[in-house]
Amino acid sequence: MKNMISVAALLALTLPFSLAQTPPGATRIAIAKEELRRLSGELNEAVRTHDQAALKRIFANDYVYPALSWAVSGT
């Protein structure tokens, strides 16, 4: 009986910690989301301030985008 109480107490104390662990891959996803937020902020700032050096650093040399007429243009 004393062993059952000890096991129940041990489970009660450790169960919240085991349920609170992040699932595998969740940390990588959180890091990727933060990186995307940071890059998006950098892009927005570069566009807002017309920072050509930052835009060249952010976009690849062969970046292709649709113009307002939907004709494909390159940088």
C-alpha atoms as a PDB file:
ATOM      1  CA  MET A   1       0.000   0.000   0.000  1.00  0.00           C
ATOM      2  CA  LYS A   2       2.827   2.351   0.868  1.00  0.00           C
ATOM      3  CA  ASN A   3       4.480   1.616  -2.499  1.00  0.00           C
ATOM      4  CA  MET A   4       1.266   2.493  -4.359  1.00  0.00           C
ATOM      5  CA  ILE A   5       1.053   5.820  -2.551  1.00  0.00           C
ATOM      6  CA  SER A   6       4.699   6.528  -3.368  1.00  0.00           C
ATOM      7  CA  VAL A   7       4.165   5.675  -7.043  1.00  0.00           C
ATOM      8  CA  ALA A   8       1.010   7.824  -7.192  1.00  0.00           C
ATOM      9  CA  ALA A   9       2.834  10.738  -5.577  1.00  0.00           C
ATOM     10  CA  LEU A  10       5.755  10.367  -7.954  1.00  0.00           C
ATOM     11  CA  LEU A  11       3.426  10.314 -10.960  1.00  0.00           C
ATOM     12  CA  ALA A  12       1.516  13.323  -9.670  1.00  0.00           C
ATOM     13  CA  LEU A  13       4.750  15.270  -9.311  1.00  0.00           C
ATOM     14  CA  THR A  14       6.328  14.306 -12.642  1.00  0.00           C
ATOM     15  CA  LEU A  15       3.291  14.182 -14.961  1.00  0.00           C
ATOM     16  CA  PRO A  16       2.958  17.957 -15.466  1.00  0.00           C
ATOM     17  CA  PHE A  17       6.614  18.186 -16.501  1.00  0.00           C
ATOM     18  CA  SER A  18       6.343  15.375 -19.007  1.00  0.00           C
ATOM     19  CA  LEU A  19       3.225  16.887 -20.582  1.00  0.00           C
ATOM     20  CA  ALA A  20       4.821  20.327 -20.808  1.00  0.00           C
ATOM     21  CA  GLN A  21       7.759  19.184 -22.927  1.00  0.00           C
ATOM     22  CA  THR A  22       7.837  20.576 -26.446  1.00  0.00           C
ATOM     23  CA  PRO A  23       7.235  17.987 -29.139  1.00  0.00           C
ATOM     24  CA  PRO A  24      10.148  17.070 -31.414  1.00  0.00           C
ATOM     25  CA  GLY A  25      10.633  19.654 -34.137  1.00  0.00           C
ATOM     26  CA  ALA A  26       8.622  22.353 -32.346  1.00  0.00           C
ATOM     27  CA  THR A  27      11.789  24.237 -31.435  1.00  0.00           C
ATOM     28  CA  ARG A  28      12.959  24.237 -35.049  1.00  0.00           C
ATOM     29  CA  ILE A  29       9.562  25.521 -36.158  1.00  0.00           C
ATOM     30  CA  ALA A  30       9.663  28.305 -33.581  1.00  0.00           C
ATOM     31  CA  ILE A  31      13.170  29.284 -34.711  1.00  0.00           C
ATOM     32  CA  ALA A  32      12.082  29.291 -38.360  1.00  0.00           C
ATOM     33  CA  LYS A  33       9.046  31.448 -37.557  1.00  0.00           C
ATOM     34  CA  GLU A  34      11.209  33.939 -35.683  1.00  0.00           C
ATOM     35  CA  GLU A  35      13.691  34.057 -38.566  1.00  0.00           C
ATOM     36  CA  LEU A  36      10.864  34.727 -41.045  1.00  0.00           C
ATOM     37  CA  ARG A  37       9.494  37.505 -38.823  1.00  0.00           C
ATOM     38  CA  ARG A  38      12.952  39.070 -38.612  1.00  0.00           C
ATOM     39  CA  LEU A  39      13.536  38.871 -42.366  1.00  0.00           C
ATOM     40  CA  SER A  40      10.082  40.269 -43.069  1.00  0.00           C
ATOM     41  CA  GLY A  41      10.824  43.188 -40.773  1.00  0.00           C
ATOM     42  CA  GLU A  42      14.158  43.790 -42.523  1.00  0.00           C
ATOM     43  CA  LEU A  43      12.452  43.713 -45.923  1.00  0.00           C
ATOM     44  CA  ASN A  44       9.727  46.109 -44.828  1.00  0.00           C
ATOM     45  CA  GLU A  45      12.304  48.515 -43.398  1.00  0.00           C
ATOM     46  CA  ALA A  46      14.455  48.345 -46.545  1.00  0.00           C
ATOM     47  CA  VAL A  47      11.458  49.060 -48.780  1.00  0.00           C
ATOM     48  CA  ARG A  48      10.235  51.873 -46.520  1.00  0.00           C
ATOM     49  CA  THR A  49      13.636  53.602 -46.431  1.00  0.00           C
ATOM     50  CA  HIS A  50      14.588  52.750 -50.059  1.00  0.00           C
ATOM     51  CA  ASP A  51      17.753  51.010 -48.814  1.00  0.00           C
ATOM     52  CA  GLN A  52      19.245  49.609 -52.037  1.00  0.00           C
ATOM     53  CA  ALA A  53      22.111  47.809 -50.284  1.00  0.00           C
ATOM     54  CA  ALA A  54      19.719  45.948 -47.981  1.00  0.00           C
ATOM     55  CA  LEU A  55      17.410  45.038 -50.865  1.00  0.00           C
ATOM     56  CA  LYS A  56      20.343  43.648 -52.876  1.00  0.00           C
ATOM     57  CA  ARG A  57      21.380  41.614 -49.829  1.00  0.00           C
ATOM     58  CA  ILE A  58      17.840  40.277 -49.265  1.00  0.00           C
ATOM     59  CA  PHE A  59      16.914  39.430 -52.867  1.00  0.00           C
ATOM     60  CA  ALA A  60      18.802  36.981 -55.064  1.00  0.00           C
ATOM     61  CA  ASN A  61      20.481  38.238 -58.232  1.00  0.00           C
ATOM     62  CA  ASP A  62      18.035  36.297 -60.392  1.00  0.00           C
ATOM     63  CA  TYR A  63      14.897  37.431 -58.503  1.00  0.00           C
ATOM     64  CA  VAL A  64      11.853  37.556 -60.826  1.00  0.00           C
ATOM     65  CA  TYR A  65       8.610  39.329 -59.966  1.00  0.00           C
ATOM     66  CA  PRO A  66       5.324  40.137 -61.714  1.00  0.00           C
ATOM     67  CA  ALA A  67       4.928  43.798 -62.713  1.00  0.00           C
ATOM     68  CA  LEU A  68       1.599  45.607 -62.377  1.00  0.00           C
ATOM     69  CA  SER A  69       0.683  44.477 -65.889  1.00  0.00           C
ATOM     70  CA  TRP A  70       1.517  40.893 -64.802  1.00  0.00           C
ATOM     71  CA  ALA A  71       4.393  40.809 -67.262  1.00  0.00           C
ATOM     72  CA  VAL A  72       7.370  39.049 -65.713  1.00  0.00           C
ATOM     73  CA  SER A  73      10.295  41.350 -64.940  1.00  0.00           C
ATOM     74  CA  GLY A  74      13.690  40.846 -63.364  1.00  0.00           C
ATOM     75  CA  THR A  75      15.922  43.006 -61.240  1.00  0.00           C
END
